[in-house]
Amino acid sequence: MHYEDYEQRIGYVRARLRLVATDAGGRAAGVMDDYRPNWGIGEHLSGDALLAGAPITIEDAERLDAGETGFVRLHPISWERWADVRPGARITMHEGARIVGVAEVVEVVRRE
């Protein structure tokens, strides 16, 4: 899926993402555009991670392999959940309960 139209109408979150290496518990394979993880973007009052979905596109590469770092654009499914995410925030990429990536938010472009 191409997200140019979505980005023009809705916006995106740009982040520097580091995938956890496979031998450190990360994915066995890398990720490509339209990978759809959940993101830990804060905490519930109970202390549990607040998760929200956002597919990604990878800037300047076809894929990002385990252990690598690159810039990505996140396309939040529900912007309401991302309301408190700001540049400088550290967010985590999840597959189930497992953290498979860590990102630092660089820019939030919200057009709604």
Protein backbone atom coordinates (compact mmCIF):
# COMPACT_ATOMS: atom_id res chain seq x y z
CA MET A 1 0.00 0.00 0.00
CA HIS A 2 1.23 3.50 -0.76
CA TYR A 3 0.64 6.03 1.99
CA GLU A 4 1.28 9.32 0.16
CA ASP A 5 -2.44 10.15 0.02
CA TYR A 6 -2.90 9.16 3.67
CA GLU A 7 0.04 11.34 4.70
CA GLN A 8 -1.36 14.33 2.76
CA ARG A 9 -4.83 13.95 4.27
CA ILE A 10 -4.17 12.55 7.74
CA GLY A 11 -0.46 12.83 8.57
CA TYR A 12 2.24 10.53 9.96
CA VAL A 13 4.77 10.03 12.74
CA ARG A 14 8.40 9.95 11.63
CA ALA A 15 10.78 7.97 13.83
CA ARG A 16 14.27 6.47 13.99
CA LEU A 17 13.64 2.75 14.51
CA ARG A 18 16.14 0.17 15.76
CA LEU A 19 15.00 -3.42 15.35
CA VAL A 20 16.07 -5.79 18.11
CA ALA A 21 18.66 -8.30 16.87
CA THR A 22 17.41 -11.86 16.37
CA ASP A 23 19.78 -13.31 18.99
CA ALA A 24 18.51 -10.73 21.51
CA GLY A 25 14.88 -11.83 21.08
CA GLY A 26 14.00 -9.86 17.96
CA ARG A 27 12.36 -11.03 14.77
CA ALA A 28 13.97 -13.76 12.68
CA ALA A 29 13.25 -11.76 9.53
CA GLY A 30 13.30 -8.06 8.80
CA VAL A 31 10.32 -5.81 8.07
CA MET A 32 9.14 -4.15 4.88
CA ASP A 33 6.64 -1.41 4.01
CA ASP A 34 3.13 -2.03 5.31
CA TYR A 35 4.35 -4.11 8.27
CA ARG A 36 1.63 -3.59 10.89
CA PRO A 37 2.91 -3.83 14.45
CA ASN A 38 1.43 -2.48 17.63
CA TRP A 39 3.34 0.33 19.30
CA GLY A 40 3.83 0.95 23.01
CA ILE A 41 3.09 4.66 23.18
CA GLY A 42 2.59 5.15 26.91
CA GLU A 43 1.10 3.42 29.94
CA HIS A 44 -2.36 2.73 31.30
CA LEU A 45 -2.98 3.74 34.92
CA SER A 46 -2.39 0.07 35.80
CA GLY A 47 1.18 0.36 34.45
CA ASP A 48 0.47 -1.88 31.45
CA ALA A 49 1.69 -0.64 28.08
CA LEU A 50 -0.77 1.43 26.05
CA LEU A 51 -0.65 -0.17 22.61
CA ALA A 52 -1.82 1.37 19.36
CA GLY A 53 -1.55 0.11 15.79
CA ALA A 54 0.32 1.88 13.02
CA PRO A 55 1.60 0.37 9.77
CA ILE A 56 5.04 1.56 8.66
CA THR A 57 6.85 2.68 5.57
CA ILE A 58 10.63 2.62 5.52
CA GLU A 59 12.49 5.66 4.22
CA ASP A 60 15.29 5.12 1.69
CA ALA A 61 15.28 1.29 1.86
CA GLU A 62 13.18 -1.66 0.79
CA ARG A 63 13.49 -3.41 4.14
CA LEU A 64 14.96 -3.10 7.59
CA ASP A 65 16.60 -6.25 8.96
CA ALA A 66 16.83 -7.41 12.57
CA GLY A 67 19.50 -5.43 14.39
CA GLU A 68 19.41 -2.54 11.88
CA THR A 69 18.38 1.06 12.37
CA GLY A 70 16.54 3.28 9.91
CA PHE A 71 13.98 6.03 9.54
CA VAL A 72 10.34 5.03 9.23
CA ARG A 73 6.97 6.70 8.94
CA LEU A 74 4.17 5.38 11.11
CA HIS A 75 0.57 5.71 9.96
CA PRO A 76 -1.60 5.66 13.11
CA ILE A 77 -4.88 3.83 12.76
CA SER A 78 -6.46 5.90 15.54
CA TRP A 79 -4.90 9.34 16.06
CA GLU A 80 -6.81 9.78 19.32
CA ARG A 81 -4.57 7.17 20.95
CA TRP A 82 -1.43 8.96 19.66
CA ALA A 83 -2.45 12.40 21.00
CA ASP A 84 0.33 12.53 23.63
CA VAL A 85 3.14 11.27 21.36
CA ARG A 86 5.67 14.04 20.76
CA PRO A 87 9.14 14.38 19.19
CA GLY A 88 11.73 12.87 21.50
CA ALA A 89 9.36 10.19 22.82
CA ARG A 90 10.69 6.62 23.00
CA ILE A 91 8.13 4.12 21.75
CA THR A 92 8.37 0.34 21.45
CA MET A 93 7.36 -1.92 18.56
CA HIS A 94 5.50 -5.06 19.68
CA GLU A 95 4.62 -8.47 18.33
CA GLY A 96 2.27 -9.75 21.00
CA ALA A 97 3.98 -9.18 24.34
CA ARG A 98 7.46 -9.23 22.78
CA ILE A 99 9.29 -5.96 22.05
CA VAL A 100 10.93 -6.27 18.62
CA GLY A 101 11.97 -2.66 18.06
CA VAL A 102 12.58 0.65 19.78
CA ALA A 103 11.98 4.00 18.11
CA GLU A 104 12.59 7.64 18.90
CA VAL A 105 9.93 9.96 17.51
CA VAL A 106 11.51 12.64 15.33
CA GLU A 107 8.45 14.42 13.96
CA VAL A 108 4.66 14.31 14.28
CA VAL A 109 2.71 15.65 11.29
CA ARG A 110 -1.00 15.66 12.04
CA ARG A 111 -3.33 17.11 9.43
CA GLU A 112 -6.76 16.25 10.82
